[in-house]
């Protein structure tokens, strides 16, 4: 086994397969029906978005916190975010009384037996189509910020195509490392970081020498940096990742591929 074949194996295992996908699909259909029954004309739209739409969602066997993002767009727009979060909490209490429900700013988390839903309250934006207002982290979720949830999907499709169809596999393997290490990064932030690292500007010539998933993995890990306010435990996780990748490269350079794979398995533990 080589470094690249092991990474590819992990990326392939990190795909949500048919049975799990069908369970999620049924749950989304039920959620949609219950939202319509409960809120009726008080909503202008509601839809699935995020990693479950981008083929970068992790199966539960590799990430117990894997979730489906679901945006609920309210018609009236006169209130602060907490008002709409309270409405979603009441909806969840009534329609999913046997499930675990909690508020985790800026969402309501609805935990079913096979999946978590993150219910995101939203308002339509006045600026452009397909743009919405969601609770703003910078205001401690007391105000709104504009977002285009489908934009990242478009960017990912383009980036993946221009990078040998290896960006989605890279996202999945890095998200597995993130889950194993108790989430040094928010899942969405990781996807954004990877997209920015391999962004393809359509208006200028760019050349990426990467040909294999292994190459993309090395380049991304090399580019990870700490923020000044990162906690010590996060710095330690990132530092250990970088150190192990350095060891892998040294083994590879000496022709000791099997030793390199052994170190890689410490980063990405084999699944039972």
C-alpha atoms as a PDB file:
ATOM      1  CA  UNK A   1       0.000   0.000   0.000  1.00  0.00           C
ATOM      2  CA  UNK A   2       1.171   3.521  -0.787  1.00  0.00           C
ATOM      3  CA  UNK A   3       0.458   6.881   0.822  1.00  0.00           C
ATOM      4  CA  UNK A   4      -1.786   7.843  -2.079  1.00  0.00           C
ATOM      5  CA  UNK A   5      -3.733   4.570  -2.116  1.00  0.00           C
ATOM      6  CA  UNK A   6      -4.362   4.775   1.646  1.00  0.00           C
ATOM      7  CA  UNK A   7      -5.585   8.383   1.397  1.00  0.00           C
ATOM      8  CA  UNK A   8      -7.813   7.410  -1.519  1.00  0.00           C
ATOM      9  CA  UNK A   9      -9.222   4.518   0.507  1.00  0.00           C
ATOM     10  CA  UNK A  10     -10.068   6.853   3.401  1.00  0.00           C
ATOM     11  CA  UNK A  11     -11.682   9.348   1.002  1.00  0.00           C
ATOM     12  CA  UNK A  12     -13.818   6.594  -0.526  1.00  0.00           C
ATOM     13  CA  UNK A  13     -14.918   5.319   2.883  1.00  0.00           C
ATOM     14  CA  UNK A  14     -15.897   8.868   3.825  1.00  0.00           C
ATOM     15  CA  UNK A  15     -18.793   8.909   1.354  1.00  0.00           C
ATOM     16  CA  UNK A  16     -22.374   8.665   2.606  1.00  0.00           C
ATOM     17  CA  UNK A  17     -23.628   5.438   1.033  1.00  0.00           C
ATOM     18  CA  UNK A  18     -27.044   4.403  -0.239  1.00  0.00           C
ATOM     19  CA  UNK A  19     -28.748   3.163   2.940  1.00  0.00           C
ATOM     20  CA  UNK A  20     -27.642   6.140   5.031  1.00  0.00           C
ATOM     21  CA  UNK A  21     -28.444   8.474   2.145  1.00  0.00           C
ATOM     22  CA  UNK A  22     -31.971   7.058   1.843  1.00  0.00           C
ATOM     23  CA  UNK A  23     -32.569   7.440   5.595  1.00  0.00           C
ATOM     24  CA  UNK A  24     -31.491  11.070   5.375  1.00  0.00           C
ATOM     25  CA  UNK A  25     -33.692  11.639   2.328  1.00  0.00           C
ATOM     26  CA  UNK A  26     -36.747  10.265   4.158  1.00  0.00           C
ATOM     27  CA  UNK A  27     -36.008  12.398   7.213  1.00  0.00           C
ATOM     28  CA  UNK A  28     -35.703  15.522   5.070  1.00  0.00           C
ATOM     29  CA  UNK A  29     -39.038  14.765   3.416  1.00  0.00           C
ATOM     30  CA  UNK A  30     -40.673  14.336   6.830  1.00  0.00           C
ATOM     31  CA  UNK A  31     -39.079  17.539   8.119  1.00  0.00           C
ATOM     32  CA  UNK A  32     -40.323  19.455   5.080  1.00  0.00           C
ATOM     33  CA  UNK A  33     -43.884  18.178   5.545  1.00  0.00           C
ATOM     34  CA  UNK A  34     -43.898  19.022   9.251  1.00  0.00           C
ATOM     35  CA  UNK A  35     -42.560  22.526   8.645  1.00  0.00           C
ATOM     36  CA  UNK A  36     -45.347  23.143   6.139  1.00  0.00           C
ATOM     37  CA  UNK A  37     -47.960  21.791   8.533  1.00  0.00           C
ATOM     38  CA  UNK A  38     -46.715  23.815  11.486  1.00  0.00           C
ATOM     39  CA  UNK A  39     -45.788  27.150   9.912  1.00  0.00           C
ATOM     40  CA  UNK A  40     -47.938  27.205   6.775  1.00  0.00           C
ATOM     41  CA  UNK A  41     -47.768  30.571   5.034  1.00  0.00           C
ATOM     42  CA  UNK A  42     -45.406  32.002   7.683  1.00  0.00           C
ATOM     43  CA  UNK A  43     -42.489  30.644   5.635  1.00  0.00           C
ATOM     44  CA  UNK A  44     -41.358  31.736   2.190  1.00  0.00           C
ATOM     45  CA  UNK A  45     -39.013  28.782   1.691  1.00  0.00           C
ATOM     46  CA  UNK A  46     -37.074  25.998   3.387  1.00  0.00           C
ATOM     47  CA  UNK A  47     -34.362  23.806   1.929  1.00  0.00           C
ATOM     48  CA  UNK A  48     -31.360  21.582   2.502  1.00  0.00           C
ATOM     49  CA  UNK A  49     -27.916  23.123   2.016  1.00  0.00           C
ATOM     50  CA  UNK A  50     -24.326  22.661   3.129  1.00  0.00           C
ATOM     51  CA  UNK A  51     -22.047  19.633   2.963  1.00  0.00           C
ATOM     52  CA  UNK A  52     -24.911  17.179   2.408  1.00  0.00           C
ATOM     53  CA  UNK A  53     -25.519  18.945  -0.913  1.00  0.00           C
ATOM     54  CA  UNK A  54     -21.830  19.157  -1.793  1.00  0.00           C
ATOM     55  CA  UNK A  55     -20.928  15.457  -1.428  1.00  0.00           C
ATOM     56  CA  UNK A  56     -18.601  16.359   1.427  1.00  0.00           C
ATOM     57  CA  UNK A  57     -20.821  15.236   4.291  1.00  0.00           C
ATOM     58  CA  UNK A  58     -19.217  12.569   6.472  1.00  0.00           C
ATOM     59  CA  UNK A  59     -20.912   9.249   7.282  1.00  0.00           C
ATOM     60  CA  UNK A  60     -21.768   8.838  10.955  1.00  0.00           C
ATOM     61  CA  UNK A  61     -19.263   5.977  11.322  1.00  0.00           C
ATOM     62  CA  UNK A  62     -16.474   8.515  10.708  1.00  0.00           C
ATOM     63  CA  UNK A  63     -17.992  11.589  12.343  1.00  0.00           C
ATOM     64  CA  UNK A  64     -20.657  11.192  15.013  1.00  0.00           C
ATOM     65  CA  UNK A  65     -21.417  14.921  14.750  1.00  0.00           C
ATOM     66  CA  UNK A  66     -22.139  14.781  11.027  1.00  0.00           C
ATOM     67  CA  UNK A  67     -25.254  16.805  10.283  1.00  0.00           C
ATOM     68  CA  UNK A  68     -27.595  18.133   7.620  1.00  0.00           C
ATOM     69  CA  UNK A  69     -27.956  21.908   7.384  1.00  0.00           C
ATOM     70  CA  UNK A  70     -31.516  23.045   6.729  1.00  0.00           C
ATOM     71  CA  UNK A  71     -32.482  26.669   6.177  1.00  0.00           C
ATOM     72  CA  UNK A  72     -35.939  27.946   7.156  1.00  0.00           C
ATOM     73  CA  UNK A  73     -36.822  31.306   5.608  1.00  0.00           C
ATOM     74  CA  UNK A  74     -39.464  33.281   7.511  1.00  0.00           C
ATOM     75  CA  UNK A  75     -41.837  35.685   5.800  1.00  0.00           C
ATOM     76  CA  UNK A  76     -42.006  38.396   8.480  1.00  0.00           C
ATOM     77  CA  UNK A  77     -38.681  40.134   9.025  1.00  0.00           C
ATOM     78  CA  UNK A  78     -39.253  42.475  11.939  1.00  0.00           C
ATOM     79  CA  UNK A  79     -37.406  40.645  14.682  1.00  0.00           C
ATOM     80  CA  UNK A  80     -34.011  39.676  16.017  1.00  0.00           C
ATOM     81  CA  UNK A  81     -32.650  36.146  15.425  1.00  0.00           C
ATOM     82  CA  UNK A  82     -33.641  34.813  18.852  1.00  0.00           C
ATOM     83  CA  UNK A  83     -37.334  35.280  18.040  1.00  0.00           C
ATOM     84  CA  UNK A  84     -37.039  32.900  15.101  1.00  0.00           C
ATOM     85  CA  UNK A  85     -34.864  30.463  17.030  1.00  0.00           C
ATOM     86  CA  UNK A  86     -37.599  30.344  19.670  1.00  0.00           C
ATOM     87  CA  UNK A  87     -40.148  29.556  16.963  1.00  0.00           C
ATOM     88  CA  UNK A  88     -38.000  26.715  15.662  1.00  0.00           C
ATOM     89  CA  UNK A  89     -37.547  25.418  19.196  1.00  0.00           C
ATOM     90  CA  UNK A  90     -41.326  25.320  19.718  1.00  0.00           C
ATOM     91  CA  UNK A  91     -41.762  23.581  16.367  1.00  0.00           C
ATOM     92  CA  UNK A  92     -39.153  20.969  17.296  1.00  0.00           C
ATOM     93  CA  UNK A  93     -40.651  20.401  20.740  1.00  0.00           C
ATOM     94  CA  UNK A  94     -44.068  19.761  19.208  1.00  0.00           C
ATOM     95  CA  UNK A  95     -43.132  17.765  16.106  1.00  0.00           C
ATOM     96  CA  UNK A  96     -40.102  15.892  17.472  1.00  0.00           C
ATOM     97  CA  UNK A  97     -40.953  15.517  21.151  1.00  0.00           C
ATOM     98  CA  UNK A  98     -38.988  12.272  21.548  1.00  0.00           C
ATOM     99  CA  UNK A  99     -35.783  13.622  20.009  1.00  0.00           C
ATOM    100  CA  UNK A 100     -32.932  15.523  21.602  1.00  0.00           C
ATOM    101  CA  UNK A 101     -33.330  19.227  20.880  1.00  0.00           C
ATOM    102  CA  UNK A 102     -30.998  22.044  21.842  1.00  0.00           C
ATOM    103  CA  UNK A 103     -30.048  25.539  20.785  1.00  0.00           C
ATOM    104  CA  UNK A 104     -26.486  25.918  19.567  1.00  0.00           C
ATOM    105  CA  UNK A 105     -26.042  29.430  18.230  1.00  0.00           C
ATOM    106  CA  UNK A 106     -27.079  30.226  15.614  1.00  0.00           C
ATOM    107  CA  UNK A 107     -29.116  27.059  15.057  1.00  0.00           C
ATOM    108  CA  UNK A 108     -31.504  24.608  16.621  1.00  0.00           C
ATOM    109  CA  UNK A 109     -29.955  21.136  16.648  1.00  0.00           C
ATOM    110  CA  UNK A 110     -32.424  18.318  16.176  1.00  0.00           C
ATOM    111  CA  UNK A 111     -30.860  14.925  16.904  1.00  0.00           C
ATOM    112  CA  UNK A 112     -32.556  11.886  15.393  1.00  0.00           C
ATOM    113  CA  UNK A 113     -31.360   8.304  15.731  1.00  0.00           C
ATOM    114  CA  UNK A 114     -29.411   8.383  12.464  1.00  0.00           C
ATOM    115  CA  UNK A 115     -28.683  12.054  11.786  1.00  0.00           C
ATOM    116  CA  UNK A 116     -28.463  15.538  13.279  1.00  0.00           C
ATOM    117  CA  UNK A 117     -30.302  18.435  11.671  1.00  0.00           C
ATOM    118  CA  UNK A 118     -29.103  21.998  12.133  1.00  0.00           C
ATOM    119  CA  UNK A 119     -32.131  24.219  11.626  1.00  0.00           C
ATOM    120  CA  UNK A 120     -30.986  27.684  10.555  1.00  0.00           C
ATOM    121  CA  UNK A 121     -33.483  30.572  10.736  1.00  0.00           C
ATOM    122  CA  UNK A 122     -33.212  32.999   7.850  1.00  0.00           C
ATOM    123  CA  UNK A 123     -34.798  36.013   6.213  1.00  0.00           C
ATOM    124  CA  UNK A 124     -34.795  36.950   2.552  1.00  0.00           C
ATOM    125  CA  UNK A 125     -32.183  39.487   1.492  1.00  0.00           C
ATOM    126  CA  UNK A 126     -33.097  42.707  -0.263  1.00  0.00           C
ATOM    127  CA  UNK A 127     -29.866  42.731  -2.244  1.00  0.00           C
ATOM    128  CA  UNK A 128     -29.983  39.830  -4.663  1.00  0.00           C
ATOM    129  CA  UNK A 129     -31.611  36.499  -5.421  1.00  0.00           C
ATOM    130  CA  UNK A 130     -30.346  33.368  -3.645  1.00  0.00           C
ATOM    131  CA  UNK A 131     -28.994  35.546  -0.822  1.00  0.00           C
ATOM    132  CA  UNK A 132     -30.344  35.355   2.711  1.00  0.00           C
ATOM    133  CA  UNK A 133     -29.825  36.845   6.137  1.00  0.00           C
ATOM    134  CA  UNK A 134     -28.828  34.506   8.960  1.00  0.00           C
ATOM    135  CA  UNK A 135     -27.789  35.151  12.590  1.00  0.00           C
ATOM    136  CA  UNK A 136     -24.437  36.928  12.696  1.00  0.00           C
ATOM    137  CA  UNK A 137     -21.633  35.428  14.771  1.00  0.00           C
ATOM    138  CA  UNK A 138     -19.891  38.835  15.015  1.00  0.00           C
ATOM    139  CA  UNK A 139     -22.902  40.272  16.855  1.00  0.00           C
ATOM    140  CA  UNK A 140     -23.158  37.283  19.206  1.00  0.00           C
ATOM    141  CA  UNK A 141     -26.054  36.190  16.967  1.00  0.00           C
ATOM    142  CA  UNK A 142     -28.127  39.201  17.999  1.00  0.00           C
ATOM    143  CA  UNK A 143     -28.255  40.614  14.465  1.00  0.00           C
ATOM    144  CA  UNK A 144     -28.227  39.446  10.867  1.00  0.00           C
ATOM    145  CA  UNK A 145     -25.540  38.909   8.225  1.00  0.00           C
ATOM    146  CA  UNK A 146     -25.963  38.231   4.509  1.00  0.00           C
ATOM    147  CA  UNK A 147     -25.001  34.841   3.077  1.00  0.00           C
ATOM    148  CA  UNK A 148     -25.290  32.955  -0.200  1.00  0.00           C
ATOM    149  CA  UNK A 149     -25.510  29.291   0.838  1.00  0.00           C
ATOM    150  CA  UNK A 150     -25.462  27.951  -2.717  1.00  0.00           C
ATOM    151  CA  UNK A 151     -22.373  29.950  -3.734  1.00  0.00           C
ATOM    152  CA  UNK A 152     -19.947  27.579  -2.026  1.00  0.00           C
ATOM    153  CA  UNK A 153     -21.503  24.659  -3.875  1.00  0.00           C
ATOM    154  CA  UNK A 154     -20.852  26.344  -7.225  1.00  0.00           C
ATOM    155  CA  UNK A 155     -17.288  27.248  -6.237  1.00  0.00           C
ATOM    156  CA  UNK A 156     -16.630  23.680  -5.115  1.00  0.00           C
ATOM    157  CA  UNK A 157     -17.891  22.182  -8.379  1.00  0.00           C
ATOM    158  CA  UNK A 158     -15.561  24.476 -10.349  1.00  0.00           C
ATOM    159  CA  UNK A 159     -12.562  23.924  -8.070  1.00  0.00           C
ATOM    160  CA  UNK A 160     -13.020  20.162  -8.018  1.00  0.00           C
ATOM    161  CA  UNK A 161     -13.218  20.040 -11.818  1.00  0.00           C
ATOM    162  CA  UNK A 162     -10.108  22.191 -12.253  1.00  0.00           C
ATOM    163  CA  UNK A 163      -8.107  20.185  -9.703  1.00  0.00           C
ATOM    164  CA  UNK A 164      -8.357  16.663 -11.098  1.00  0.00           C
ATOM    165  CA  UNK A 165     -11.567  15.933  -9.139  1.00  0.00           C
ATOM    166  CA  UNK A 166      -9.465  15.737  -5.973  1.00  0.00           C
ATOM    167  CA  UNK A 167     -10.811  18.640  -3.908  1.00  0.00           C
ATOM    168  CA  UNK A 168     -13.866  16.761  -2.631  1.00  0.00           C
ATOM    169  CA  UNK A 169     -11.772  13.717  -1.632  1.00  0.00           C
ATOM    170  CA  UNK A 170      -9.297  16.053   0.095  1.00  0.00           C
ATOM    171  CA  UNK A 171     -12.116  17.714   2.030  1.00  0.00           C
ATOM    172  CA  UNK A 172     -13.396  14.340   3.186  1.00  0.00           C
ATOM    173  CA  UNK A 173     -10.022  13.064   4.437  1.00  0.00           C
ATOM    174  CA  UNK A 174      -9.252  16.334   6.253  1.00  0.00           C
ATOM    175  CA  UNK A 175     -12.707  16.314   7.847  1.00  0.00           C
ATOM    176  CA  UNK A 176     -11.979  12.788   9.089  1.00  0.00           C
ATOM    177  CA  UNK A 177      -8.765  14.033  10.725  1.00  0.00           C
ATOM    178  CA  UNK A 178     -10.782  16.899  12.214  1.00  0.00           C
ATOM    179  CA  UNK A 179     -13.342  14.515  13.744  1.00  0.00           C
ATOM    180  CA  UNK A 180     -10.660  12.157  15.106  1.00  0.00           C
ATOM    181  CA  UNK A 181      -9.006  15.139  16.801  1.00  0.00           C
ATOM    182  CA  UNK A 182     -12.163  16.538  18.440  1.00  0.00           C
ATOM    183  CA  UNK A 183     -12.749  19.328  15.911  1.00  0.00           C
ATOM    184  CA  UNK A 184      -9.905  21.850  15.922  1.00  0.00           C
ATOM    185  CA  UNK A 185     -11.843  23.514  13.077  1.00  0.00           C
ATOM    186  CA  UNK A 186     -15.499  24.055  12.325  1.00  0.00           C
ATOM    187  CA  UNK A 187     -16.440  21.785   9.439  1.00  0.00           C
ATOM    188  CA  UNK A 188     -17.582  24.668   7.235  1.00  0.00           C
ATOM    189  CA  UNK A 189     -14.382  26.609   7.934  1.00  0.00           C
ATOM    190  CA  UNK A 190     -12.295  23.633   6.818  1.00  0.00           C
ATOM    191  CA  UNK A 191     -14.127  23.434   3.513  1.00  0.00           C
ATOM    192  CA  UNK A 192     -13.618  27.153   2.963  1.00  0.00           C
ATOM    193  CA  UNK A 193      -9.904  26.870   3.775  1.00  0.00           C
ATOM    194  CA  UNK A 194      -9.433  24.073   1.267  1.00  0.00           C
ATOM    195  CA  UNK A 195     -11.337  25.948  -1.427  1.00  0.00           C
ATOM    196  CA  UNK A 196      -9.235  29.066  -0.875  1.00  0.00           C
ATOM    197  CA  UNK A 197      -6.013  27.051  -0.909  1.00  0.00           C
ATOM    198  CA  UNK A 198      -6.781  25.677  -4.372  1.00  0.00           C
ATOM    199  CA  UNK A 199      -8.921  28.470  -5.786  1.00  0.00           C
ATOM    200  CA  UNK A 200      -8.879  28.700  -9.556  1.00  0.00           C
ATOM    201  CA  UNK A 201      -9.263  32.226 -10.926  1.00  0.00           C
ATOM    202  CA  UNK A 202     -11.107  31.938 -14.269  1.00  0.00           C
ATOM    203  CA  UNK A 203      -9.573  35.215 -15.467  1.00  0.00           C
ATOM    204  CA  UNK A 204      -5.922  34.291 -15.112  1.00  0.00           C
ATOM    205  CA  UNK A 205      -3.646  31.386 -15.939  1.00  0.00           C
ATOM    206  CA  UNK A 206      -2.771  29.197 -12.977  1.00  0.00           C
ATOM    207  CA  UNK A 207      -0.730  26.043 -12.830  1.00  0.00           C
ATOM    208  CA  UNK A 208      -0.973  23.467 -10.070  1.00  0.00           C
ATOM    209  CA  UNK A 209       1.650  20.727 -10.154  1.00  0.00           C
ATOM    210  CA  UNK A 210      -0.410  18.432  -7.933  1.00  0.00           C
ATOM    211  CA  UNK A 211      -1.448  15.221  -9.655  1.00  0.00           C
ATOM    212  CA  UNK A 212      -2.484  12.934  -6.781  1.00  0.00           C
ATOM    213  CA  UNK A 213      -4.517  13.215  -3.599  1.00  0.00           C
ATOM    214  CA  UNK A 214      -1.244  12.774  -1.739  1.00  0.00           C
ATOM    215  CA  UNK A 215       0.128  15.971  -3.342  1.00  0.00           C
ATOM    216  CA  UNK A 216      -2.943  17.986  -2.367  1.00  0.00           C
ATOM    217  CA  UNK A 217      -2.776  16.619   1.170  1.00  0.00           C
ATOM    218  CA  UNK A 218       0.855  17.681   1.615  1.00  0.00           C
ATOM    219  CA  UNK A 219       0.234  21.141   0.194  1.00  0.00           C
ATOM    220  CA  UNK A 220      -2.822  21.806   2.336  1.00  0.00           C
ATOM    221  CA  UNK A 221      -1.183  20.639   5.571  1.00  0.00           C
ATOM    222  CA  UNK A 222       1.885  22.740   4.795  1.00  0.00           C
ATOM    223  CA  UNK A 223      -0.331  25.807   4.448  1.00  0.00           C
ATOM    224  CA  UNK A 224      -2.267  25.424   7.705  1.00  0.00           C
ATOM    225  CA  UNK A 225      -1.431  28.219  10.133  1.00  0.00           C
ATOM    226  CA  UNK A 226      -2.471  29.087  13.659  1.00  0.00           C
ATOM    227  CA  UNK A 227      -4.368  32.207  14.605  1.00  0.00           C
ATOM    228  CA  UNK A 228      -3.001  34.330  17.444  1.00  0.00           C
ATOM    229  CA  UNK A 229      -5.973  33.443  19.660  1.00  0.00           C
ATOM    230  CA  UNK A 230      -6.063  29.686  19.006  1.00  0.00           C
ATOM    231  CA  UNK A 231      -6.203  27.631  22.221  1.00  0.00           C
ATOM    232  CA  UNK A 232      -3.192  25.515  23.142  1.00  0.00           C
ATOM    233  CA  UNK A 233      -4.964  22.231  22.438  1.00  0.00           C
ATOM    234  CA  UNK A 234      -5.717  23.314  18.854  1.00  0.00           C
ATOM    235  CA  UNK A 235      -2.120  24.408  18.312  1.00  0.00           C
ATOM    236  CA  UNK A 236      -0.967  21.028  19.605  1.00  0.00           C
ATOM    237  CA  UNK A 237      -3.252  19.123  17.202  1.00  0.00           C
ATOM    238  CA  UNK A 238      -2.072  21.144  14.198  1.00  0.00           C
ATOM    239  CA  UNK A 239       1.567  20.873  15.263  1.00  0.00           C
ATOM    240  CA  UNK A 240       1.332  17.104  15.619  1.00  0.00           C
ATOM    241  CA  UNK A 241      -0.259  16.822  12.157  1.00  0.00           C
ATOM    242  CA  UNK A 242       2.534  18.851  10.575  1.00  0.00           C
ATOM    243  CA  UNK A 243       5.239  16.908  12.419  1.00  0.00           C
ATOM    244  CA  UNK A 244       3.830  13.575  11.293  1.00  0.00           C
ATOM    245  CA  UNK A 245       3.587  14.739   7.688  1.00  0.00           C
ATOM    246  CA  UNK A 246       7.252  15.790   7.862  1.00  0.00           C
ATOM    247  CA  UNK A 247       8.153  12.293   9.076  1.00  0.00           C
ATOM    248  CA  UNK A 248       6.099  10.749   6.266  1.00  0.00           C
ATOM    249  CA  UNK A 249       7.968  12.817   3.687  1.00  0.00           C
ATOM    250  CA  UNK A 250      11.337  11.793   5.137  1.00  0.00           C
ATOM    251  CA  UNK A 251      10.414   8.109   5.002  1.00  0.00           C
ATOM    252  CA  UNK A 252       9.186   8.556   1.427  1.00  0.00           C
ATOM    253  CA  UNK A 253      12.429  10.238   0.420  1.00  0.00           C
ATOM    254  CA  UNK A 254      14.395   7.277   1.783  1.00  0.00           C
ATOM    255  CA  UNK A 255      12.151   4.838  -0.080  1.00  0.00           C
ATOM    256  CA  UNK A 256      10.496   3.533   3.090  1.00  0.00           C
ATOM    257  CA  UNK A 257       6.894   3.703   1.880  1.00  0.00           C
ATOM    258  CA  UNK A 258       5.533   1.129   4.340  1.00  0.00           C
ATOM    259  CA  UNK A 259       6.971   3.075   7.292  1.00  0.00           C
ATOM    260  CA  UNK A 260       5.416   6.237   5.870  1.00  0.00           C
ATOM    261  CA  UNK A 261       2.018   4.514   5.643  1.00  0.00           C
ATOM    262  CA  UNK A 262       2.319   3.420   9.289  1.00  0.00           C
ATOM    263  CA  UNK A 263       2.690   7.076  10.303  1.00  0.00           C
ATOM    264  CA  UNK A 264      -0.205   8.056   8.034  1.00  0.00           C
ATOM    265  CA  UNK A 265      -2.416   5.556   9.845  1.00  0.00           C
ATOM    266  CA  UNK A 266      -1.777   7.483  13.057  1.00  0.00           C
ATOM    267  CA  UNK A 267      -3.261  10.549  11.342  1.00  0.00           C
ATOM    268  CA  UNK A 268      -6.135   8.616   9.757  1.00  0.00           C
ATOM    269  CA  UNK A 269      -6.880   5.521  11.871  1.00  0.00           C
ATOM    270  CA  UNK A 270      -8.129   2.543   9.840  1.00  0.00           C
ATOM    271  CA  UNK A 271     -11.839   1.835  10.164  1.00  0.00           C
ATOM    272  CA  UNK A 272     -12.954  -1.485  11.622  1.00  0.00           C
END
